Amino acid sequence: MADAKEFFNDFQTKMGKVKDITPDTTAGFGGLFGKVMKDGAITLLEKELIAVAISVSQKCTPCIRLHVKKSLEAGATKEQILEACGVAVMMGGGPAYTHLAVVIETLEALEQ
């Protein structure tokens, strides 16, 4: 749980440095993110659940942490997040399964 809390405490500072050093990359990615991650044919909530599942299947710990948080902010329940992760495990096998611990740790850190 400490790892998740530390991640959120440090993330803005670290990404601020990334933005300063790579402004074009940051602007490009931010533009894409903003265009995609909004309500459309599917809701932002559904998109965030997809993003959590992909994060688990790709074994991207920072992505897991960020999209678990964004899923909760979009109105997802803990159960919905874990069910979406179940789909990722089914598709990604053992490596995805081991990253469920990161999802649970992040959910627990954000509950406090």
PDB file of N, CA and C in Angstrom:
ATOM      1  N   MET A   1       0.825  -1.193   0.000  1.00  0.00           N
ATOM      2  CA  MET A   1       0.000   0.000   0.000  1.00  0.00           C
ATOM      3  C   MET A   1       0.868   1.256   0.000  1.00  0.00           C
ATOM      4  N   ALA A   2       2.001   1.197   0.678  1.00  0.00           N
ATOM      5  CA  ALA A   2       2.893   2.353   0.715  1.00  0.00           C
ATOM      6  C   ALA A   2       3.390   2.706  -0.683  1.00  0.00           C
ATOM      7  N   ASP A   3       3.622   1.680  -1.505  1.00  0.00           N
ATOM      8  CA  ASP A   3       4.085   1.942  -2.870  1.00  0.00           C
ATOM      9  C   ASP A   3       3.066   2.755  -3.658  1.00  0.00           C
ATOM     10  N   ALA A   4       1.783   2.420  -3.521  1.00  0.00           N
ATOM     11  CA  ALA A   4       0.740   3.150  -4.244  1.00  0.00           C
ATOM     12  C   ALA A   4       0.656   4.585  -3.748  1.00  0.00           C
ATOM     13  N   LYS A   5       0.703   4.787  -2.444  1.00  0.00           N
ATOM     14  CA  LYS A   5       0.639   6.144  -1.898  1.00  0.00           C
ATOM     15  C   LYS A   5       1.847   6.960  -2.336  1.00  0.00           C
ATOM     16  N   GLU A   6       3.015   6.345  -2.294  1.00  0.00           N
ATOM     17  CA  GLU A   6       4.229   7.029  -2.726  1.00  0.00           C
ATOM     18  C   GLU A   6       4.146   7.396  -4.208  1.00  0.00           C
ATOM     19  N   PHE A   7       3.602   6.484  -5.011  1.00  0.00           N
ATOM     20  CA  PHE A   7       3.440   6.757  -6.433  1.00  0.00           C
ATOM     21  C   PHE A   7       2.621   8.027  -6.651  1.00  0.00           C
ATOM     22  N   PHE A   8       1.457   8.109  -5.992  1.00  0.00           N
ATOM     23  CA  PHE A   8       0.589   9.270  -6.204  1.00  0.00           C
ATOM     24  C   PHE A   8       1.212  10.549  -5.652  1.00  0.00           C
ATOM     25  N   ASN A   9       1.979  10.447  -4.575  1.00  0.00           N
ATOM     26  CA  ASN A   9       2.654  11.623  -4.038  1.00  0.00           C
ATOM     27  C   ASN A   9       3.717  12.164  -4.988  1.00  0.00           C
ATOM     28  N   ASP A  10       4.397  11.264  -5.682  1.00  0.00           N
ATOM     29  CA  ASP A  10       5.520  11.661  -6.539  1.00  0.00           C
ATOM     30  C   ASP A  10       5.147  11.890  -7.997  1.00  0.00           C
ATOM     31  N   PHE A  11       4.014  11.373  -8.435  1.00  0.00           N
ATOM     32  CA  PHE A  11       3.693  11.345  -9.860  1.00  0.00           C
ATOM     33  C   PHE A  11       3.652  12.735 -10.483  1.00  0.00           C
ATOM     34  N   GLN A  12       2.968  13.657  -9.871  1.00  0.00           N
ATOM     35  CA  GLN A  12       2.835  14.995 -10.470  1.00  0.00           C
ATOM     36  C   GLN A  12       4.191  15.668 -10.630  1.00  0.00           C
ATOM     37  N   THR A  13       5.044  15.530  -9.630  1.00  0.00           N
ATOM     38  CA  THR A  13       6.376  16.129  -9.706  1.00  0.00           C
ATOM     39  C   THR A  13       7.185  15.505 -10.839  1.00  0.00           C
ATOM     40  N   LYS A  14       7.168  14.177 -10.903  1.00  0.00           N
ATOM     41  CA  LYS A  14       7.927  13.493 -11.948  1.00  0.00           C
ATOM     42  C   LYS A  14       7.402  13.837 -13.335  1.00  0.00           C
ATOM     43  N   MET A  15       6.100  13.866 -13.502  1.00  0.00           N
ATOM     44  CA  MET A  15       5.544  14.164 -14.819  1.00  0.00           C
ATOM     45  C   MET A  15       5.701  15.641 -15.167  1.00  0.00           C
ATOM     46  N   GLY A  16       5.778  16.505 -14.167  1.00  0.00           N
ATOM     47  CA  GLY A  16       6.087  17.911 -14.431  1.00  0.00           C
ATOM     48  C   GLY A  16       7.457  18.053 -15.069  1.00  0.00           C
ATOM     49  N   LYS A  17       8.401  17.261 -14.581  1.00  0.00           N
ATOM     50  CA  LYS A  17       9.750  17.269 -15.158  1.00  0.00           C
ATOM     51  C   LYS A  17       9.716  16.729 -16.588  1.00  0.00           C
ATOM     52  N   VAL A  18       8.960  15.666 -16.805  1.00  0.00           N
ATOM     53  CA  VAL A  18       8.819  15.109 -18.159  1.00  0.00           C
ATOM     54  C   VAL A  18       8.246  16.174 -19.092  1.00  0.00           C
ATOM     55  N   LYS A  19       7.220  16.886 -18.614  1.00  0.00           N
ATOM     56  CA  LYS A  19       6.589  17.933 -19.429  1.00  0.00           C
ATOM     57  C   LYS A  19       7.593  19.034 -19.777  1.00  0.00           C
ATOM     58  N   ASP A  20       8.409  19.422 -18.805  1.00  0.00           N
ATOM     59  CA  ASP A  20       9.406  20.464 -19.049  1.00  0.00           C
ATOM     60  C   ASP A  20      10.458  20.038 -20.067  1.00  0.00           C
ATOM     61  N   ILE A  21      10.860  18.769 -19.992  1.00  0.00           N
ATOM     62  CA  ILE A  21      11.936  18.276 -20.848  1.00  0.00           C
ATOM     63  C   ILE A  21      11.432  17.859 -22.224  1.00  0.00           C
ATOM     64  N   THR A  22      10.190  17.350 -22.296  1.00  0.00           N
ATOM     65  CA  THR A  22       9.648  16.861 -23.571  1.00  0.00           C
ATOM     66  C   THR A  22       8.271  17.489 -23.841  1.00  0.00           C
ATOM     67  N   PRO A  23       8.215  18.794 -24.017  1.00  0.00           N
ATOM     68  CA  PRO A  23       6.913  19.447 -24.161  1.00  0.00           C
ATOM     69  C   PRO A  23       6.109  19.001 -25.380  1.00  0.00           C
ATOM     70  N   ASP A  24       6.765  18.727 -26.487  1.00  0.00           N
ATOM     71  CA  ASP A  24       6.032  18.304 -27.682  1.00  0.00           C
ATOM     72  C   ASP A  24       5.418  16.922 -27.493  1.00  0.00           C
ATOM     73  N   THR A  25       6.183  16.014 -26.918  1.00  0.00           N
ATOM     74  CA  THR A  25       5.668  14.668 -26.656  1.00  0.00           C
ATOM     75  C   THR A  25       4.498  14.728 -25.681  1.00  0.00           C
ATOM     76  N   THR A  26       4.664  15.513 -24.631  1.00  0.00           N
ATOM     77  CA  THR A  26       3.612  15.650 -23.627  1.00  0.00           C
ATOM     78  C   THR A  26       2.353  16.254 -24.233  1.00  0.00           C
ATOM     79  N   ALA A  27       2.514  17.270 -25.037  1.00  0.00           N
ATOM     80  CA  ALA A  27       1.354  17.902 -25.672  1.00  0.00           C
ATOM     81  C   ALA A  27       0.667  16.933 -26.634  1.00  0.00           C
ATOM     82  N   GLY A  28       1.448  16.188 -27.388  1.00  0.00           N
ATOM     83  CA  GLY A  28       0.875  15.230 -28.332  1.00  0.00           C
ATOM     84  C   GLY A  28       0.098  14.135 -27.619  1.00  0.00           C
ATOM     85  N   PHE A  29       0.705  13.559 -26.587  1.00  0.00           N
ATOM     86  CA  PHE A  29       0.031  12.501 -25.841  1.00  0.00           C
ATOM     87  C   PHE A  29      -1.186  13.055 -25.114  1.00  0.00           C
ATOM     88  N   GLY A  30      -1.039  14.231 -24.521  1.00  0.00           N
ATOM     89  CA  GLY A  30      -2.161  14.848 -23.813  1.00  0.00           C
ATOM     90  C   GLY A  30      -3.331  15.136 -24.737  1.00  0.00           C
ATOM     91  N   GLY A  31      -3.036  15.570 -25.953  1.00  0.00           N
ATOM     92  CA  GLY A  31      -4.097  15.820 -26.927  1.00  0.00           C
ATOM     93  C   GLY A  31      -4.840  14.551 -27.290  1.00  0.00           C
ATOM     94  N   LEU A  32      -4.093  13.486 -27.549  1.00  0.00           N
ATOM     95  CA  LEU A  32      -4.714  12.198 -27.858  1.00  0.00           C
ATOM     96  C   LEU A  32      -5.545  11.707 -26.680  1.00  0.00           C
ATOM     97  N   PHE A  33      -4.967  11.767 -25.484  1.00  0.00           N
ATOM     98  CA  PHE A  33      -5.663  11.320 -24.283  1.00  0.00           C
ATOM     99  C   PHE A  33      -6.986  12.079 -24.120  1.00  0.00           C
ATOM    100  N   GLY A  34      -6.925  13.389 -24.263  1.00  0.00           N
ATOM    101  CA  GLY A  34      -8.121  14.216 -24.096  1.00  0.00           C
ATOM    102  C   GLY A  34      -9.205  13.930 -25.125  1.00  0.00           C
ATOM    103  N   LYS A  35      -8.803  13.638 -26.346  1.00  0.00           N
ATOM    104  CA  LYS A  35      -9.775  13.340 -27.408  1.00  0.00           C
ATOM    105  C   LYS A  35     -10.418  11.969 -27.218  1.00  0.00           C
ATOM    106  N   VAL A  36      -9.655  11.005 -26.718  1.00  0.00           N
ATOM    107  CA  VAL A  36     -10.141   9.634 -26.598  1.00  0.00           C
ATOM    108  C   VAL A  36     -10.898   9.408 -25.289  1.00  0.00           C
ATOM    109  N   MET A  37     -10.361   9.914 -24.183  1.00  0.00           N
ATOM    110  CA  MET A  37     -10.896   9.576 -22.866  1.00  0.00           C
ATOM    111  C   MET A  37     -11.997  10.545 -22.444  1.00  0.00           C
ATOM    112  N   LYS A  38     -13.110  10.439 -23.146  1.00  0.00           N
ATOM    113  CA  LYS A  38     -14.315  11.202 -22.834  1.00  0.00           C
ATOM    114  C   LYS A  38     -15.495  10.374 -23.311  1.00  0.00           C
ATOM    115  N   ASP A  39     -16.681  10.746 -22.868  1.00  0.00           N
ATOM    116  CA  ASP A  39     -17.876  10.034 -23.313  1.00  0.00           C
ATOM    117  C   ASP A  39     -18.015  10.117 -24.824  1.00  0.00           C
ATOM    118  N   GLY A  40     -18.378   9.011 -25.398  1.00  0.00           N
ATOM    119  CA  GLY A  40     -18.621   8.906 -26.831  1.00  0.00           C
ATOM    120  C   GLY A  40     -19.621   7.783 -27.034  1.00  0.00           C
ATOM    121  N   ALA A  41     -19.373   6.926 -27.986  1.00  0.00           N
ATOM    122  CA  ALA A  41     -20.236   5.764 -28.195  1.00  0.00           C
ATOM    123  C   ALA A  41     -20.206   4.857 -26.961  1.00  0.00           C
ATOM    124  N   ILE A  42     -19.068   4.861 -26.248  1.00  0.00           N
ATOM    125  CA  ILE A  42     -19.018   4.228 -24.931  1.00  0.00           C
ATOM    126  C   ILE A  42     -18.627   5.293 -23.915  1.00  0.00           C
ATOM    127  N   THR A  43     -19.007   5.078 -22.687  1.00  0.00           N
ATOM    128  CA  THR A  43     -18.811   6.098 -21.661  1.00  0.00           C
ATOM    129  C   THR A  43     -17.361   6.167 -21.208  1.00  0.00           C
ATOM    130  N   LEU A  44     -17.024   7.272 -20.556  1.00  0.00           N
ATOM    131  CA  LEU A  44     -15.703   7.412 -19.955  1.00  0.00           C
ATOM    132  C   LEU A  44     -15.469   6.286 -18.952  1.00  0.00           C
ATOM    133  N   LEU A  45     -16.479   5.949 -18.180  1.00  0.00           N
ATOM    134  CA  LEU A  45     -16.350   4.854 -17.219  1.00  0.00           C
ATOM    135  C   LEU A  45     -15.942   3.568 -17.923  1.00  0.00           C
ATOM    136  N   GLU A  46     -16.617   3.234 -19.002  1.00  0.00           N
ATOM    137  CA  GLU A  46     -16.281   2.018 -19.747  1.00  0.00           C
ATOM    138  C   GLU A  46     -14.866   2.089 -20.312  1.00  0.00           C
ATOM    139  N   LYS A  47     -14.479   3.249 -20.811  1.00  0.00           N
ATOM    140  CA  LYS A  47     -13.131   3.420 -21.348  1.00  0.00           C
ATOM    141  C   LYS A  47     -12.077   3.246 -20.255  1.00  0.00           C
ATOM    142  N   GLU A  48     -12.357   3.761 -19.065  1.00  0.00           N
ATOM    143  CA  GLU A  48     -11.399   3.607 -17.969  1.00  0.00           C
ATOM    144  C   GLU A  48     -11.283   2.150 -17.538  1.00  0.00           C
ATOM    145  N   LEU A  49     -12.392   1.423 -17.533  1.00  0.00           N
ATOM    146  CA  LEU A  49     -12.333  -0.005 -17.199  1.00  0.00           C
ATOM    147  C   LEU A  49     -11.514  -0.765 -18.245  1.00  0.00           C
ATOM    148  N   ILE A  50     -11.679  -0.400 -19.500  1.00  0.00           N
ATOM    149  CA  ILE A  50     -10.864  -0.994 -20.564  1.00  0.00           C
ATOM    150  C   ILE A  50      -9.391  -0.659 -20.323  1.00  0.00           C
ATOM    151  N   ALA A  51      -9.122   0.590 -19.968  1.00  0.00           N
ATOM    152  CA  ALA A  51      -7.738   1.013 -19.729  1.00  0.00           C
ATOM    153  C   ALA A  51      -7.121   0.255 -18.557  1.00  0.00           C
ATOM    154  N   VAL A  52      -7.888   0.009 -17.489  1.00  0.00           N
ATOM    155  CA  VAL A  52      -7.364  -0.780 -16.371  1.00  0.00           C
ATOM    156  C   VAL A  52      -7.020  -2.184 -16.855  1.00  0.00           C
ATOM    157  N   ALA A  53      -7.941  -2.800 -17.593  1.00  0.00           N
ATOM    158  CA  ALA A  53      -7.716  -4.161 -18.071  1.00  0.00           C
ATOM    159  C   ALA A  53      -6.487  -4.235 -18.975  1.00  0.00           C
ATOM    160  N   ILE A  54      -6.348  -3.296 -19.873  1.00  0.00           N
ATOM    161  CA  ILE A  54      -5.176  -3.282 -20.755  1.00  0.00           C
ATOM    162  C   ILE A  54      -3.904  -3.049 -19.933  1.00  0.00           C
ATOM    163  N   SER A  55      -3.989  -2.173 -18.949  1.00  0.00           N
ATOM    164  CA  SER A  55      -2.823  -1.921 -18.085  1.00  0.00           C
ATOM    165  C   SER A  55      -2.364  -3.190 -17.388  1.00  0.00           C
ATOM    166  N   VAL A  56      -3.324  -3.991 -16.911  1.00  0.00           N
ATOM    167  CA  VAL A  56      -2.988  -5.257 -16.264  1.00  0.00           C
ATOM    168  C   VAL A  56      -2.379  -6.213 -17.282  1.00  0.00           C
ATOM    169  N   SER A  57      -3.002  -6.328 -18.450  1.00  0.00           N
ATOM    170  CA  SER A  57      -2.496  -7.274 -19.438  1.00  0.00           C
ATOM    171  C   SER A  57      -1.126  -6.863 -19.961  1.00  0.00           C
ATOM    172  N   GLN A  58      -0.839  -5.559 -19.975  1.00  0.00           N
ATOM    173  CA  GLN A  58       0.464  -5.059 -20.428  1.00  0.00           C
ATOM    174  C   GLN A  58       1.483  -4.966 -19.285  1.00  0.00           C
ATOM    175  N   LYS A  59       1.016  -5.245 -18.064  1.00  0.00           N
ATOM    176  CA  LYS A  59       1.881  -5.244 -16.878  1.00  0.00           C
ATOM    177  C   LYS A  59       2.546  -3.891 -16.647  1.00  0.00           C
ATOM    178  N   CYS A  60       1.751  -2.829 -16.786  1.00  0.00           N
ATOM    179  CA  CYS A  60       2.243  -1.453 -16.606  1.00  0.00           C
ATOM    180  C   CYS A  60       1.752  -0.923 -15.261  1.00  0.00           C
ATOM    181  N   THR A  61       2.603  -1.012 -14.252  1.00  0.00           N
ATOM    182  CA  THR A  61       2.199  -0.614 -12.903  1.00  0.00           C
ATOM    183  C   THR A  61       1.753   0.843 -12.826  1.00  0.00           C
ATOM    184  N   PRO A  62       2.483   1.812 -13.393  1.00  0.00           N
ATOM    185  CA  PRO A  62       1.980   3.189 -13.325  1.00  0.00           C
ATOM    186  C   PRO A  62       0.613   3.340 -14.004  1.00  0.00           C
ATOM    187  N   CYS A  63       0.427   2.653 -15.134  1.00  0.00           N
ATOM    188  CA  CYS A  63      -0.859   2.723 -15.834  1.00  0.00           C
ATOM    189  C   CYS A  63      -1.971   2.134 -14.977  1.00  0.00           C
ATOM    190  N   ILE A  64      -1.684   1.009 -14.319  1.00  0.00           N
ATOM    191  CA  ILE A  64      -2.674   0.406 -13.430  1.00  0.00           C
ATOM    192  C   ILE A  64      -3.089   1.418 -12.375  1.00  0.00           C
ATOM    193  N   ARG A  65      -2.113   1.996 -11.707  1.00  0.00           N
ATOM    194  CA  ARG A  65      -2.420   2.935 -10.611  1.00  0.00           C
ATOM    195  C   ARG A  65      -3.269   4.114 -11.119  1.00  0.00           C
ATOM    196  N   LEU A  66      -2.854   4.693 -12.226  1.00  0.00           N
ATOM    197  CA  LEU A  66      -3.565   5.869 -12.745  1.00  0.00           C
ATOM    198  C   LEU A  66      -4.974   5.530 -13.206  1.00  0.00           C
ATOM    199  N   HIS A  67      -5.150   4.410 -13.884  1.00  0.00           N
ATOM    200  CA  HIS A  67      -6.478   4.092 -14.421  1.00  0.00           C
ATOM    201  C   HIS A  67      -7.408   3.487 -13.376  1.00  0.00           C
ATOM    202  N   VAL A  68      -6.866   2.866 -12.329  1.00  0.00           N
ATOM    203  CA  VAL A  68      -7.721   2.488 -11.197  1.00  0.00           C
ATOM    204  C   VAL A  68      -8.292   3.764 -10.576  1.00  0.00           C
ATOM    205  N   LYS A  69      -7.435   4.745 -10.354  1.00  0.00           N
ATOM    206  CA  LYS A  69      -7.884   6.023  -9.774  1.00  0.00           C
ATOM    207  C   LYS A  69      -8.906   6.705 -10.682  1.00  0.00           C
ATOM    208  N   LYS A  70      -8.617   6.776 -11.973  1.00  0.00           N
ATOM    209  CA  LYS A  70      -9.535   7.423 -12.905  1.00  0.00           C
ATOM    210  C   LYS A  70     -10.846   6.640 -13.032  1.00  0.00           C
ATOM    211  N   SER A  71     -10.783   5.317 -12.923  1.00  0.00           N
ATOM    212  CA  SER A  71     -12.012   4.507 -12.942  1.00  0.00           C
ATOM    213  C   SER A  71     -12.895   4.845 -11.751  1.00  0.00           C
ATOM    214  N   LEU A  72     -12.282   4.929 -10.582  1.00  0.00           N
ATOM    215  CA  LEU A  72     -13.050   5.299  -9.379  1.00  0.00           C
ATOM    216  C   LEU A  72     -13.658   6.694  -9.542  1.00  0.00           C
ATOM    217  N   GLU A  73     -12.874   7.620 -10.058  1.00  0.00           N
ATOM    218  CA  GLU A  73     -13.366   8.990 -10.266  1.00  0.00           C
ATOM    219  C   GLU A  73     -14.506   9.032 -11.275  1.00  0.00           C
ATOM    220  N   ALA A  74     -14.500   8.104 -12.234  1.00  0.00           N
ATOM    221  CA  ALA A  74     -15.559   8.047 -13.246  1.00  0.00           C
ATOM    222  C   ALA A  74     -16.801   7.314 -12.735  1.00  0.00           C
ATOM    223  N   GLY A  75     -16.717   6.787 -11.506  1.00  0.00           N
ATOM    224  CA  GLY A  75     -17.884   6.154 -10.898  1.00  0.00           C
ATOM    225  C   GLY A  75     -17.843   4.639 -10.820  1.00  0.00           C
ATOM    226  N   ALA A  76     -16.716   4.027 -11.163  1.00  0.00           N
ATOM    227  CA  ALA A  76     -16.618   2.569 -11.094  1.00  0.00           C
ATOM    228  C   ALA A  76     -16.620   2.103  -9.655  1.00  0.00           C
ATOM    229  N   THR A  77     -17.145   0.921  -9.469  1.00  0.00           N
ATOM    230  CA  THR A  77     -17.059   0.279  -8.159  1.00  0.00           C
ATOM    231  C   THR A  77     -15.807  -0.599  -8.133  1.00  0.00           C
ATOM    232  N   LYS A  78     -15.406  -0.940  -6.943  1.00  0.00           N
ATOM    233  CA  LYS A  78     -14.281  -1.861  -6.781  1.00  0.00           C
ATOM    234  C   LYS A  78     -14.572  -3.164  -7.520  1.00  0.00           C
ATOM    235  N   GLU A  79     -15.799  -3.632  -7.427  1.00  0.00           N
ATOM    236  CA  GLU A  79     -16.192  -4.881  -8.078  1.00  0.00           C
ATOM    237  C   GLU A  79     -16.086  -4.788  -9.599  1.00  0.00           C
ATOM    238  N   GLN A  80     -16.491  -3.654 -10.179  1.00  0.00           N
ATOM    239  CA  GLN A  80     -16.383  -3.479 -11.628  1.00  0.00           C
ATOM    240  C   GLN A  80     -14.921  -3.490 -12.070  1.00  0.00           C
ATOM    241  N   ILE A  81     -14.073  -2.823 -11.304  1.00  0.00           N
ATOM    242  CA  ILE A  81     -12.651  -2.774 -11.640  1.00  0.00           C
ATOM    243  C   ILE A  81     -12.056  -4.178 -11.598  1.00  0.00           C
ATOM    244  N   LEU A  82     -12.359  -4.908 -10.541  1.00  0.00           N
ATOM    245  CA  LEU A  82     -11.801  -6.256 -10.406  1.00  0.00           C
ATOM    246  C   LEU A  82     -12.357  -7.204 -11.464  1.00  0.00           C
ATOM    247  N   GLU A  83     -13.618  -7.023 -11.864  1.00  0.00           N
ATOM    248  CA  GLU A  83     -14.190  -7.865 -12.919  1.00  0.00           C
ATOM    249  C   GLU A  83     -13.529  -7.567 -14.263  1.00  0.00           C
ATOM    250  N   ALA A  84     -13.283  -6.289 -14.546  1.00  0.00           N
ATOM    251  CA  ALA A  84     -12.566  -5.931 -15.771  1.00  0.00           C
ATOM    252  C   ALA A  84     -11.168  -6.547 -15.764  1.00  0.00           C
ATOM    253  N   CYS A  85     -10.544  -6.565 -14.603  1.00  0.00           N
ATOM    254  CA  CYS A  85      -9.223  -7.177 -14.483  1.00  0.00           C
ATOM    255  C   CYS A  85      -9.299  -8.684 -14.677  1.00  0.00           C
ATOM    256  N   GLY A  86     -10.409  -9.287 -14.292  1.00  0.00           N
ATOM    257  CA  GLY A  86     -10.602 -10.710 -14.535  1.00  0.00           C
ATOM    258  C   GLY A  86     -10.565 -11.029 -16.020  1.00  0.00           C
ATOM    259  N   VAL A  87     -11.136 -10.150 -16.834  1.00  0.00           N
ATOM    260  CA  VAL A  87     -11.085 -10.330 -18.286  1.00  0.00           C
ATOM    261  C   VAL A  87      -9.634 -10.232 -18.751  1.00  0.00           C
ATOM    262  N   ALA A  88      -8.882  -9.294 -18.195  1.00  0.00           N
ATOM    263  CA  ALA A  88      -7.472  -9.154 -18.569  1.00  0.00           C
ATOM    264  C   ALA A  88      -6.689 -10.404 -18.208  1.00  0.00           C
ATOM    265  N   VAL A  89      -6.966 -10.974 -17.052  1.00  0.00           N
ATOM    266  CA  VAL A  89      -6.276 -12.197 -16.641  1.00  0.00           C
ATOM    267  C   VAL A  89      -6.635 -13.337 -17.580  1.00  0.00           C
ATOM    268  N   MET A  90      -7.906 -13.452 -17.930  1.00  0.00           N
ATOM    269  CA  MET A  90      -8.338 -14.503 -18.843  1.00  0.00           C
ATOM    270  C   MET A  90      -7.606 -14.375 -20.184  1.00  0.00           C
ATOM    271  N   MET A  91      -7.419 -13.154 -20.641  1.00  0.00           N
ATOM    272  CA  MET A  91      -6.746 -12.922 -21.917  1.00  0.00           C
ATOM    273  C   MET A  91      -5.226 -12.976 -21.789  1.00  0.00           C
ATOM    274  N   GLY A  92      -4.690 -12.551 -20.635  1.00  0.00           N
ATOM    275  CA  GLY A  92      -3.244 -12.422 -20.485  1.00  0.00           C
ATOM    276  C   GLY A  92      -2.565 -13.503 -19.676  1.00  0.00           C
ATOM    277  N   GLY A  93      -3.328 -14.386 -19.052  1.00  0.00           N
ATOM    278  CA  GLY A  93      -2.744 -15.492 -18.309  1.00  0.00           C
ATOM    279  C   GLY A  93      -2.021 -15.075 -17.045  1.00  0.00           C
ATOM    280  N   GLY A  94      -1.043 -15.890 -16.668  1.00  0.00           N
ATOM    281  CA  GLY A  94      -0.325 -15.720 -15.401  1.00  0.00           C
ATOM    282  C   GLY A  94       0.325 -14.369 -15.209  1.00  0.00           C
ATOM    283  N   PRO A  95       1.040 -13.822 -16.216  1.00  0.00           N
ATOM    284  CA  PRO A  95       1.654 -12.514 -16.006  1.00  0.00           C
ATOM    285  C   PRO A  95       0.630 -11.425 -15.662  1.00  0.00           C
ATOM    286  N   ALA A  96      -0.539 -11.463 -16.291  1.00  0.00           N
ATOM    287  CA  ALA A  96      -1.580 -10.491 -15.955  1.00  0.00           C
ATOM    288  C   ALA A  96      -2.119 -10.765 -14.553  1.00  0.00           C
ATOM    289  N   TYR A  97      -2.285 -12.044 -14.214  1.00  0.00           N
ATOM    290  CA  TYR A  97      -2.809 -12.419 -12.902  1.00  0.00           C
ATOM    291  C   TYR A  97      -1.953 -11.850 -11.773  1.00  0.00           C
ATOM    292  N   THR A  98      -0.635 -11.904 -11.920  1.00  0.00           N
ATOM    293  CA  THR A  98       0.231 -11.416 -10.843  1.00  0.00           C
ATOM    294  C   THR A  98       0.100  -9.912 -10.628  1.00  0.00           C
ATOM    295  N   HIS A  99      -0.373  -9.181 -11.628  1.00  0.00           N
ATOM    296  CA  HIS A  99      -0.533  -7.736 -11.495  1.00  0.00           C
ATOM    297  C   HIS A  99      -1.847  -7.335 -10.832  1.00  0.00           C
ATOM    298  N   LEU A 100      -2.707  -8.309 -10.533  1.00  0.00           N
ATOM    299  CA  LEU A 100      -3.905  -7.998  -9.746  1.00  0.00           C
ATOM    300  C   LEU A 100      -3.519  -7.477  -8.374  1.00  0.00           C
ATOM    301  N   ALA A 101      -2.383  -7.903  -7.850  1.00  0.00           N
ATOM    302  CA  ALA A 101      -1.915  -7.400  -6.558  1.00  0.00           C
ATOM    303  C   ALA A 101      -1.703  -5.889  -6.606  1.00  0.00           C
ATOM    304  N   VAL A 102      -1.242  -5.371  -7.729  1.00  0.00           N
ATOM    305  CA  VAL A 102      -1.053  -3.923  -7.882  1.00  0.00           C
ATOM    306  C   VAL A 102      -2.406  -3.222  -7.877  1.00  0.00           C
ATOM    307  N   VAL A 103      -3.406  -3.798  -8.547  1.00  0.00           N
ATOM    308  CA  VAL A 103      -4.757  -3.220  -8.570  1.00  0.00           C
ATOM    309  C   VAL A 103      -5.313  -3.168  -7.149  1.00  0.00           C
ATOM    310  N   ILE A 104      -5.217  -4.269  -6.422  1.00  0.00           N
ATOM    311  CA  ILE A 104      -5.770  -4.328  -5.071  1.00  0.00           C
ATOM    312  C   ILE A 104      -5.034  -3.369  -4.142  1.00  0.00           C
ATOM    313  N   GLU A 105      -3.711  -3.316  -4.239  1.00  0.00           N
ATOM    314  CA  GLU A 105      -2.935  -2.389  -3.422  1.00  0.00           C
ATOM    315  C   GLU A 105      -3.358  -0.934  -3.698  1.00  0.00           C
ATOM    316  N   THR A 106      -3.577  -0.615  -4.960  1.00  0.00           N
ATOM    317  CA  THR A 106      -3.963   0.747  -5.322  1.00  0.00           C
ATOM    318  C   THR A 106      -5.379   1.049  -4.831  1.00  0.00           C
ATOM    319  N   LEU A 107      -6.310   0.117  -4.986  1.00  0.00           N
ATOM    320  CA  LEU A 107      -7.671   0.311  -4.463  1.00  0.00           C
ATOM    321  C   LEU A 107      -7.639   0.554  -2.965  1.00  0.00           C
ATOM    322  N   GLU A 108      -6.852  -0.238  -2.250  1.00  0.00           N
ATOM    323  CA  GLU A 108      -6.753  -0.074  -0.797  1.00  0.00           C
ATOM    324  C   GLU A 108      -6.136   1.259  -0.418  1.00  0.00           C
ATOM    325  N   ALA A 109      -5.134   1.693  -1.141  1.00  0.00           N
ATOM    326  CA  ALA A 109      -4.497   2.984  -0.856  1.00  0.00           C
ATOM    327  C   ALA A 109      -5.448   4.141  -1.105  1.00  0.00           C
ATOM    328  N   LEU A 110      -6.296   4.016  -2.112  1.00  0.00           N
ATOM    329  CA  LEU A 110      -7.225   5.097  -2.446  1.00  0.00           C
ATOM    330  C   LEU A 110      -8.457   5.106  -1.558  1.00  0.00           C
ATOM    331  N   GLU A 111      -8.712   4.029  -0.825  1.00  0.00           N
ATOM    332  CA  GLU A 111      -9.871   3.967   0.083  1.00  0.00           C
ATOM    333  C   GLU A 111      -9.645   4.785   1.337  1.00  0.00           C
ATOM    334  N   GLN A 112      -8.405   5.052   1.668  1.00  0.00           N
ATOM    335  CA  GLN A 112      -8.104   5.720   2.937  1.00  0.00           C
ATOM    336  C   GLN A 112      -8.134   7.211   2.797  1.00  0.00           C
TER     337      GLN A 112
END
